[in-house]
C-alpha atoms as a PDB file:
ATOM      1  CA  MET A   1      48.488  94.435-104.197  1.00  0.00           C
ATOM      2  CA  LEU A   2      45.669  95.030-101.683  1.00  0.00           C
ATOM      3  CA  VAL A   3      42.085  94.518-102.800  1.00  0.00           C
ATOM      4  CA  TYR A   4      39.202  96.722-101.692  1.00  0.00           C
ATOM      5  CA  ALA A   5      35.591  96.331-102.678  1.00  0.00           C
ATOM      6  CA  VAL A   6      32.056  97.508-102.498  1.00  0.00           C
ATOM      7  CA  PHE A   7      29.334  94.863-101.794  1.00  0.00           C
ATOM      8  CA  GLY A   8      25.769  95.541-102.930  1.00  0.00           C
ATOM      9  CA  ASP A   9      22.780  94.127-104.818  1.00  0.00           C
ATOM     10  CA  PRO A  10      22.474  95.598-107.386  1.00  0.00           C
ATOM     11  CA  VAL A  11      25.953  97.051-107.636  1.00  0.00           C
ATOM     12  CA  GLU A  12      26.592  97.348-111.385  1.00  0.00           C
ATOM     13  CA  HIS A  13      25.718 101.076-111.304  1.00  0.00           C
ATOM     14  CA  SER A  14      28.268 101.915-108.614  1.00  0.00           C
ATOM     15  CA  LEU A  15      30.716 104.754-109.322  1.00  0.00           C
ATOM     16  CA  SER A  16      32.869 103.769-106.361  1.00  0.00           C
ATOM     17  CA  PRO A  17      35.402 101.705-108.345  1.00  0.00           C
ATOM     18  CA  ALA A  18      36.224 104.587-110.714  1.00  0.00           C
ATOM     19  CA  MET A  19      36.428 107.003-107.799  1.00  0.00           C
ATOM     20  CA  GLN A  20      38.483 104.937-105.411  1.00  0.00           C
ATOM     21  CA  ASN A  21      40.877 103.553-108.044  1.00  0.00           C
ATOM     22  CA  ALA A  22      41.584 107.159-109.061  1.00  0.00           C
ATOM     23  CA  ALA A  23      42.370 107.953-105.446  1.00  0.00           C
ATOM     24  CA  PHE A  24      44.614 104.965-104.984  1.00  0.00           C
ATOM     25  CA  SER A  25      46.543 105.893-108.106  1.00  0.00           C
ATOM     26  CA  ALA A  26      46.991 109.512-106.993  1.00  0.00           C
ATOM     27  CA  LEU A  27      48.230 108.304-103.604  1.00  0.00           C
ATOM     28  CA  GLY A  28      50.685 105.863-105.241  1.00  0.00           C
ATOM     29  CA  LEU A  29      49.170 102.883-103.461  1.00  0.00           C
ATOM     30  CA  SER A  30      49.405  99.343-104.813  1.00  0.00           C
ATOM     31  CA  ALA A  31      45.674  98.646-104.497  1.00  0.00           C
ATOM     32  CA  ARG A  32      42.591  97.814-106.595  1.00  0.00           C
ATOM     33  CA  TYR A  33      38.967  98.527-105.802  1.00  0.00           C
ATOM     34  CA  LEU A  34      36.244  96.279-107.257  1.00  0.00           C
ATOM     35  CA  ALA A  35      32.422  95.926-107.116  1.00  0.00           C
ATOM     36  CA  PHE A  36      30.857  92.577-106.126  1.00  0.00           C
ATOM     37  CA  ARG A  37      27.178  91.696-106.280  1.00  0.00           C
ATOM     38  CA  VAL A  38      26.425  89.994-102.965  1.00  0.00           C
ATOM     39  CA  ARG A  39      23.070  88.576-102.197  1.00  0.00           C
ATOM     40  CA  ARG A  40      21.553  89.597 -98.824  1.00  0.00           C
ATOM     41  CA  GLU A  41      21.590  86.055 -97.457  1.00  0.00           C
ATOM     42  CA  ARG A  42      25.323  85.651 -98.283  1.00  0.00           C
ATOM     43  CA  LEU A  43      26.620  88.898 -96.722  1.00  0.00           C
ATOM     44  CA  ARG A  44      28.161  87.212 -93.725  1.00  0.00           C
ATOM     45  CA  ASP A  45      30.000  84.746 -95.956  1.00  0.00           C
ATOM     46  CA  ALA A  46      31.173  87.463 -98.158  1.00  0.00           C
ATOM     47  CA  ILE A  47      32.525  89.702 -95.357  1.00  0.00           C
ATOM     48  CA  LEU A  48      34.184  86.839 -93.681  1.00  0.00           C
ATOM     49  CA  GLY A  49      35.649  85.640 -96.997  1.00  0.00           C
ATOM     50  CA  ALA A  50      37.076  89.129 -97.671  1.00  0.00           C
ATOM     51  CA  GLU A  51      38.707  89.079 -94.223  1.00  0.00           C
ATOM     52  CA  ALA A  52      40.107  85.588 -94.842  1.00  0.00           C
ATOM     53  CA  MET A  53      41.579  86.715 -98.136  1.00  0.00           C
ATOM     54  CA  HIS A  54      43.180  89.769 -96.566  1.00  0.00           C
ATOM     55  CA  PHE A  55      41.148  92.435 -98.352  1.00  0.00           C
ATOM     56  CA  GLY A  56      42.126  95.973 -97.344  1.00  0.00           C
ATOM     57  CA  GLY A  57      38.590  97.022 -96.595  1.00  0.00           C
ATOM     58  CA  LEU A  58      35.018  97.205 -97.785  1.00  0.00           C
ATOM     59  CA  ASN A  59      32.241  99.573 -98.532  1.00  0.00           C
ATOM     60  CA  LEU A  60      28.640  98.401 -98.218  1.00  0.00           C
ATOM     61  CA  THR A  61      25.649  99.708-100.104  1.00  0.00           C
ATOM     62  CA  ILE A  62      21.961  98.718-100.549  1.00  0.00           C
ATOM     63  CA  PRO A  63      20.713  96.412 -99.088  1.00  0.00           C
ATOM     64  CA  HIS A  64      23.566  95.515 -96.737  1.00  0.00           C
ATOM     65  CA  LYS A  65      24.133  98.533 -94.447  1.00  0.00           C
ATOM     66  CA  GLU A  66      21.792  97.494 -91.605  1.00  0.00           C
ATOM     67  CA  ALA A  67      22.409  93.746 -91.888  1.00  0.00           C
ATOM     68  CA  ALA A  68      26.122  94.258 -91.378  1.00  0.00           C
ATOM     69  CA  LEU A  69      25.616  95.499 -87.816  1.00  0.00           C
ATOM     70  CA  SER A  70      25.273  91.918 -86.627  1.00  0.00           C
ATOM     71  CA  ILE A  71      28.470  90.786 -88.456  1.00  0.00           C
ATOM     72  CA  VAL A  72      31.019  93.518 -87.604  1.00  0.00           C
ATOM     73  CA  GLU A  73      32.054  95.418 -84.506  1.00  0.00           C
ATOM     74  CA  PRO A  74      30.386  98.806 -85.148  1.00  0.00           C
ATOM     75  CA  ASP A  75      31.830 101.979 -83.745  1.00  0.00           C
ATOM     76  CA  GLU A  76      29.612 104.208 -81.663  1.00  0.00           C
ATOM     77  CA  ASN A  77      28.585 106.316 -84.649  1.00  0.00           C
ATOM     78  CA  ALA A  78      27.573 103.241 -86.817  1.00  0.00           C
ATOM     79  CA  ALA A  79      25.722 101.621 -83.913  1.00  0.00           C
ATOM     80  CA  ALA A  80      23.762 104.880 -83.242  1.00  0.00           C
ATOM     81  CA  MET A  81      22.870 105.198 -86.946  1.00  0.00           C
ATOM     82  CA  GLY A  82      21.922 101.588 -87.254  1.00  0.00           C
ATOM     83  CA  ALA A  83      23.924 101.199 -90.414  1.00  0.00           C
ATOM     84  CA  VAL A  84      27.467 100.358 -91.643  1.00  0.00           C
ATOM     85  CA  ASN A  85      28.893 101.536 -94.941  1.00  0.00           C
ATOM     86  CA  ALA A  86      32.598 100.992 -94.368  1.00  0.00           C
ATOM     87  CA  VAL A  87      34.337  97.896 -92.972  1.00  0.00           C
ATOM     88  CA  ALA A  88      38.003  97.650 -91.902  1.00  0.00           C
ATOM     89  CA  PHE A  89      39.963  94.541 -90.951  1.00  0.00           C
ATOM     90  CA  VAL A  90      42.227  95.341 -88.005  1.00  0.00           C
ATOM     91  CA  ASP A  91      44.334  92.862 -86.007  1.00  0.00           C
ATOM     92  CA  GLY A  92      41.909  90.011 -86.468  1.00  0.00           C
ATOM     93  CA  SER A  93      38.745  92.053 -85.875  1.00  0.00           C
ATOM     94  CA  ILE A  94      36.139  93.226 -88.354  1.00  0.00           C
ATOM     95  CA  ARG A  95      35.155  96.835 -87.556  1.00  0.00           C
ATOM     96  CA  GLY A  96      32.226  98.766 -88.994  1.00  0.00           C
ATOM     97  CA  TYR A  97      31.859 102.514 -89.598  1.00  0.00           C
ATOM     98  CA  ASN A  98      29.347 104.911 -91.136  1.00  0.00           C
ATOM     99  CA  THR A  99      30.772 107.766 -93.171  1.00  0.00           C
ATOM    100  CA  ASP A 100      27.503 108.864 -94.804  1.00  0.00           C
ATOM    101  CA  GLY A 101      26.547 111.543 -92.299  1.00  0.00           C
ATOM    102  CA  LEU A 102      29.949 113.195 -92.041  1.00  0.00           C
ATOM    103  CA  GLY A 103      30.252 112.923 -95.842  1.00  0.00           C
ATOM    104  CA  ALA A 104      27.027 114.990 -96.221  1.00  0.00           C
ATOM    105  CA  VAL A 105      28.259 117.599 -93.766  1.00  0.00           C
ATOM    106  CA  ARG A 106      31.647 117.869 -95.518  1.00  0.00           C
ATOM    107  CA  ALA A 107      29.839 118.232 -98.831  1.00  0.00           C
ATOM    108  CA  LEU A 108      27.761 121.129 -97.526  1.00  0.00           C
ATOM    109  CA  GLU A 109      30.764 122.804 -95.919  1.00  0.00           C
ATOM    110  CA  GLY A 110      32.733 122.353 -99.122  1.00  0.00           C
ATOM    111  CA  ALA A 111      30.090 124.357-100.922  1.00  0.00           C
ATOM    112  CA  GLY A 112      30.456 127.165 -98.394  1.00  0.00           C
ATOM    113  CA  VAL A 113      27.290 126.251 -96.470  1.00  0.00           C
ATOM    114  CA  ARG A 114      27.364 126.871 -92.691  1.00  0.00           C
ATOM    115  CA  VAL A 115      25.521 124.148 -90.743  1.00  0.00           C
ATOM    116  CA  ASP A 116      25.713 125.296 -87.119  1.00  0.00           C
ATOM    117  CA  GLY A 117      22.499 127.092 -86.048  1.00  0.00           C
ATOM    118  CA  ARG A 118      20.769 126.721 -89.437  1.00  0.00           C
ATOM    119  CA  ARG A 119      17.275 125.463 -89.912  1.00  0.00           C
ATOM    120  CA  VAL A 120      17.638 122.209 -91.898  1.00  0.00           C
ATOM    121  CA  LEU A 121      14.790 120.193 -93.435  1.00  0.00           C
ATOM    122  CA  ILE A 122      15.659 116.619 -94.192  1.00  0.00           C
ATOM    123  CA  ILE A 123      13.224 114.716 -96.458  1.00  0.00           C
ATOM    124  CA  GLY A 124      13.478 110.948 -95.784  1.00  0.00           C
ATOM    125  CA  ALA A 125      14.019 108.893 -92.605  1.00  0.00           C
ATOM    126  CA  GLY A 126      15.699 105.892 -94.207  1.00  0.00           C
ATOM    127  CA  GLY A 127      19.373 104.878 -93.850  1.00  0.00           C
ATOM    128  CA  ALA A 128      20.709 108.029 -95.496  1.00  0.00           C
ATOM    129  CA  GLY A 129      18.289 110.206 -93.676  1.00  0.00           C
ATOM    130  CA  LYS A 130      19.260 108.770 -90.311  1.00  0.00           C
ATOM    131  CA  ALA A 131      22.955 109.304 -90.885  1.00  0.00           C
ATOM    132  CA  ILE A 132      22.535 112.857 -92.225  1.00  0.00           C
ATOM    133  CA  ALA A 133      20.105 113.868 -89.477  1.00  0.00           C
ATOM    134  CA  ARG A 134      22.313 112.616 -86.703  1.00  0.00           C
ATOM    135  CA  GLN A 135      25.491 114.342 -88.116  1.00  0.00           C
ATOM    136  CA  LEU A 136      23.759 117.578 -88.769  1.00  0.00           C
ATOM    137  CA  ALA A 137      22.277 117.586 -85.275  1.00  0.00           C
ATOM    138  CA  LEU A 138      25.752 116.895 -83.811  1.00  0.00           C
ATOM    139  CA  SER A 139      27.025 119.821 -85.995  1.00  0.00           C
ATOM    140  CA  GLY A 140      24.558 122.223 -84.352  1.00  0.00           C
ATOM    141  CA  ALA A 141      21.818 122.355 -86.960  1.00  0.00           C
ATOM    142  CA  GLN A 142      18.144 122.774 -86.030  1.00  0.00           C
ATOM    143  CA  VAL A 143      16.761 119.660 -87.687  1.00  0.00           C
ATOM    144  CA  ALA A 144      13.275 118.939 -89.038  1.00  0.00           C
ATOM    145  CA  ILE A 145      12.538 115.616 -90.671  1.00  0.00           C
ATOM    146  CA  ALA A 146       9.677 114.828 -93.071  1.00  0.00           C
ATOM    147  CA  ASN A 147       8.857 111.341 -94.186  1.00  0.00           C
ATOM    148  CA  ARG A 148       6.173 109.382 -95.975  1.00  0.00           C
ATOM    149  CA  ASP A 149       5.712 107.336 -92.746  1.00  0.00           C
ATOM    150  CA  ARG A 150       5.244 110.190 -90.253  1.00  0.00           C
ATOM    151  CA  ARG A 151       5.903 107.866 -87.335  1.00  0.00           C
ATOM    152  CA  ARG A 152       9.417 107.056 -88.542  1.00  0.00           C
ATOM    153  CA  ALA A 153      10.154 110.780 -88.903  1.00  0.00           C
ATOM    154  CA  ILE A 154       8.966 111.492 -85.363  1.00  0.00           C
ATOM    155  CA  GLU A 155      11.041 108.556 -84.018  1.00  0.00           C
ATOM    156  CA  LEU A 156      14.174 109.725 -85.783  1.00  0.00           C
ATOM    157  CA  ALA A 157      13.580 113.355 -84.765  1.00  0.00           C
ATOM    158  CA  ALA A 158      13.235 112.349 -81.121  1.00  0.00           C
ATOM    159  CA  ALA A 159      16.575 110.456 -81.322  1.00  0.00           C
ATOM    160  CA  VAL A 160      18.488 113.522 -82.705  1.00  0.00           C
ATOM    161  CA  GLY A 161      16.613 116.316 -80.849  1.00  0.00           C
ATOM    162  CA  GLY A 162      14.672 117.550 -83.868  1.00  0.00           C
ATOM    163  CA  ARG A 163      11.035 117.695 -85.065  1.00  0.00           C
ATOM    164  CA  GLY A 164       9.257 115.026 -87.127  1.00  0.00           C
ATOM    165  CA  TYR A 165       6.531 115.539 -89.808  1.00  0.00           C
ATOM    166  CA  GLY A 166       4.785 113.876 -92.664  1.00  0.00           C
ATOM    167  CA  LEU A 167       5.217 114.785 -96.324  1.00  0.00           C
ATOM    168  CA  SER A 168       1.896 116.632 -96.205  1.00  0.00           C
ATOM    169  CA  ASP A 169       3.609 119.268 -94.036  1.00  0.00           C
ATOM    170  CA  LEU A 170       6.224 120.134 -96.763  1.00  0.00           C
ATOM    171  CA  SER A 171       4.247 123.154 -98.026  1.00  0.00           C
ATOM    172  CA  LYS A 172       4.817 124.742 -94.616  1.00  0.00           C
ATOM    173  CA  LEU A 173       8.321 123.343 -93.963  1.00  0.00           C
ATOM    174  CA  VAL A 174      10.137 124.080 -97.153  1.00  0.00           C
ATOM    175  CA  PRO A 175       9.708 127.906 -97.157  1.00  0.00           C
ATOM    176  CA  GLU A 176      10.841 128.068 -93.472  1.00  0.00           C
ATOM    177  CA  ALA A 177      14.045 126.007 -94.048  1.00  0.00           C
ATOM    178  CA  GLU A 178      17.425 127.541 -94.729  1.00  0.00           C
ATOM    179  CA  VAL A 179      18.755 124.246 -96.058  1.00  0.00           C
ATOM    180  CA  VAL A 180      16.619 121.542 -97.710  1.00  0.00           C
ATOM    181  CA  VAL A 181      18.073 117.994 -98.040  1.00  0.00           C
ATOM    182  CA  ASN A 182      16.600 115.227-100.174  1.00  0.00           C
ATOM    183  CA  ALA A 183      17.720 112.053 -98.433  1.00  0.00           C
ATOM    184  CA  THR A 184      15.501 109.841-100.572  1.00  0.00           C
ATOM    185  CA  SER A 185      16.007 108.164-103.960  1.00  0.00           C
ATOM    186  CA  VAL A 186      13.251 110.313-105.529  1.00  0.00           C
ATOM    187  CA  GLY A 187      14.703 111.911-108.616  1.00  0.00           C
ATOM    188  CA  MET A 188      17.109 109.070-109.459  1.00  0.00           C
ATOM    189  CA  ARG A 189      14.977 108.173-112.496  1.00  0.00           C
ATOM    190  CA  GLY A 190      13.508 110.581-115.066  1.00  0.00           C
ATOM    191  CA  GLY A 191       9.733 110.741-114.563  1.00  0.00           C
ATOM    192  CA  ASP A 192       9.949 110.415-110.731  1.00  0.00           C
ATOM    193  CA  PRO A 193       7.267 112.613-109.107  1.00  0.00           C
ATOM    194  CA  ARG A 194       8.405 115.865-107.478  1.00  0.00           C
ATOM    195  CA  LEU A 195       8.615 115.738-103.666  1.00  0.00           C
ATOM    196  CA  PHE A 196       6.950 119.170-103.497  1.00  0.00           C
ATOM    197  CA  ASP A 197       6.035 122.133-105.695  1.00  0.00           C
ATOM    198  CA  GLY A 198       9.330 123.800-106.676  1.00  0.00           C
ATOM    199  CA  ARG A 199       7.767 127.223-106.366  1.00  0.00           C
ATOM    200  CA  LEU A 200       8.018 126.840-102.563  1.00  0.00           C
ATOM    201  CA  LEU A 201      11.804 127.366-102.914  1.00  0.00           C
ATOM    202  CA  ARG A 202      13.319 130.776-102.664  1.00  0.00           C
ATOM    203  CA  GLU A 203      16.529 132.703-103.170  1.00  0.00           C
ATOM    204  CA  GLY A 204      18.955 132.390-100.294  1.00  0.00           C
ATOM    205  CA  GLN A 205      18.146 128.741 -99.525  1.00  0.00           C
ATOM    206  CA  THR A 206      20.522 125.794-100.071  1.00  0.00           C
ATOM    207  CA  VAL A 207      19.102 122.692-101.655  1.00  0.00           C
ATOM    208  CA  PHE A 208      21.177 119.505-101.339  1.00  0.00           C
ATOM    209  CA  ASP A 209      20.017 116.407-103.203  1.00  0.00           C
ATOM    210  CA  ILE A 210      21.950 113.177-102.377  1.00  0.00           C
ATOM    211  CA  VAL A 211      21.018 111.718-105.820  1.00  0.00           C
ATOM    212  CA  TYR A 212      24.135 111.923-107.951  1.00  0.00           C
ATOM    213  CA  ASN A 213      23.408 110.063-111.217  1.00  0.00           C
ATOM    214  CA  ARG A 214      21.512 112.885-112.876  1.00  0.00           C
ATOM    215  CA  LYS A 215      20.446 116.544-112.467  1.00  0.00           C
ATOM    216  CA  THR A 216      17.131 116.095-110.649  1.00  0.00           C
ATOM    217  CA  GLU A 217      14.003 118.160-110.986  1.00  0.00           C
ATOM    218  CA  LEU A 218      14.560 119.328-107.425  1.00  0.00           C
ATOM    219  CA  LEU A 219      17.944 120.814-108.319  1.00  0.00           C
ATOM    220  CA  LYS A 220      16.453 122.400-111.478  1.00  0.00           C
ATOM    221  CA  ASP A 221      13.723 123.955-109.340  1.00  0.00           C
ATOM    222  CA  ALA A 222      16.374 125.226-106.883  1.00  0.00           C
ATOM    223  CA  ALA A 223      18.327 126.872-109.647  1.00  0.00           C
ATOM    224  CA  ARG A 224      15.206 128.537-111.007  1.00  0.00           C
ATOM    225  CA  ALA A 225      14.390 129.900-107.563  1.00  0.00           C
ATOM    226  CA  GLY A 226      17.893 131.321-107.190  1.00  0.00           C
ATOM    227  CA  ALA A 227      18.806 128.886-104.394  1.00  0.00           C
ATOM    228  CA  VAL A 228      22.232 127.203-104.108  1.00  0.00           C
ATOM    229  CA  ALA A 229      21.924 123.738-105.684  1.00  0.00           C
ATOM    230  CA  ILE A 230      24.231 120.903-104.602  1.00  0.00           C
ATOM    231  CA  ASP A 231      24.105 117.445-106.182  1.00  0.00           C
ATOM    232  CA  GLY A 232      24.999 114.160-104.484  1.00  0.00           C
ATOM    233  CA  VAL A 233      28.509 113.808-105.969  1.00  0.00           C
ATOM    234  CA  PRO A 234      30.391 115.703-103.213  1.00  0.00           C
ATOM    235  CA  MET A 235      28.731 113.423-100.591  1.00  0.00           C
ATOM    236  CA  LEU A 236      29.692 110.345-102.482  1.00  0.00           C
ATOM    237  CA  VAL A 237      33.224 111.572-102.722  1.00  0.00           C
ATOM    238  CA  TRP A 238      33.527 112.538 -99.109  1.00  0.00           C
ATOM    239  CA  GLN A 239      32.115 109.261 -97.771  1.00  0.00           C
ATOM    240  CA  GLY A 240      34.554 107.464 -99.987  1.00  0.00           C
ATOM    241  CA  ALA A 241      37.399 109.725 -98.898  1.00  0.00           C
ATOM    242  CA  LEU A 242      36.668 109.061 -95.227  1.00  0.00           C
ATOM    243  CA  SER A 243      36.631 105.332 -95.995  1.00  0.00           C
ATOM    244  CA  ILE A 244      40.179 105.633 -97.463  1.00  0.00           C
ATOM    245  CA  GLU A 245      41.316 107.498 -94.398  1.00  0.00           C
ATOM    246  CA  ILE A 246      39.914 104.718 -92.189  1.00  0.00           C
ATOM    247  CA  TRP A 247      41.619 102.004 -94.212  1.00  0.00           C
ATOM    248  CA  THR A 248      44.996 103.580 -94.904  1.00  0.00           C
ATOM    249  CA  GLY A 249      45.444 106.592 -92.498  1.00  0.00           C
ATOM    250  CA  ARG A 250      46.121 108.714 -95.579  1.00  0.00           C
ATOM    251  CA  LYS A 251      44.296 111.895 -96.531  1.00  0.00           C
ATOM    252  CA  ALA A 252      42.315 111.193 -99.685  1.00  0.00           C
ATOM    253  CA  PRO A 253      42.573 113.382-102.804  1.00  0.00           C
ATOM    254  CA  THR A 254      38.948 114.509-103.003  1.00  0.00           C
ATOM    255  CA  ASP A 255      39.497 116.743-106.100  1.00  0.00           C
ATOM    256  CA  VAL A 256      40.794 113.717-108.029  1.00  0.00           C
ATOM    257  CA  MET A 257      37.937 111.606-106.807  1.00  0.00           C
ATOM    258  CA  GLU A 258      35.277 114.108-107.814  1.00  0.00           C
ATOM    259  CA  GLU A 259      36.719 114.522-111.248  1.00  0.00           C
ATOM    260  CA  ALA A 260      36.744 110.723-111.698  1.00  0.00           C
ATOM    261  CA  VAL A 261      33.051 110.489-110.706  1.00  0.00           C
ATOM    262  CA  ARG A 262      31.974 113.317-112.938  1.00  0.00           C
ATOM    263  CA  GLU A 263      33.951 111.933-115.907  1.00  0.00           C
ATOM    264  CA  GLU A 264      32.264 108.537-115.415  1.00  0.00           C
ATOM    265  CA  LEU A 265      28.907 110.208-115.333  1.00  0.00           C
ATOM    266  CA  ARG A 266      29.625 112.073-118.586  1.00  0.00           C
ATOM    267  CA  ASN A 267      30.601 108.818-120.259  1.00  0.00           C
ATOM    268  CA  ARG A 268      27.416 106.989-119.184  1.00  0.00           C
END
């Protein structure tokens, strides 16, 4: 039996084991996916140990995505994004990939949202924001990025051919956007402040929140405004599905994976 794992700190909240084990079962693979808490300073030891023990592959979550770049051989996409979230062990090499950006685009497309040529506002310029911004730009979107640290937004926008702003500009940017993406963790906890006044949203927009553990206030505001509201579960599913395809060469059963995630959320 092959072992796969997600490394993070914390990692107890991860839904990846339920999702990936459901996929392995549906594919008839003799494999098991586990979650391991790995401290930042022991990441190299953990990745090398997994390779030595012939793990099938790894996913990486906070706080390891950027640190992994110096440990693995990143592909062009992961190197450009400055983060790794999937690791494969191939012929004695340890290779790094980033499936977050493409996972986000697949999630939007799966909801019937066209990306090419659309005005997309991404809130957040951290790891997730970088991945999503780059992939949306590659997919033909007109990207605007707003971030608490305006300088980071401007730097990321320059790298992907978009425009960078501070959060103070949201009152102007939100009504202009056709697609609004929350690429921050705001909304993960009840009581989190709103990113902006929900009355800025309108019918005909798409609002995509990468938070997946609860229905956020942003998504509630989107529904009230008549906008299309997409939670973070499809992105989680697609980044996991793309990881499976990297590790096994098999097409992952995304419908089975999404049901496993939503069932786990209902039981929590």
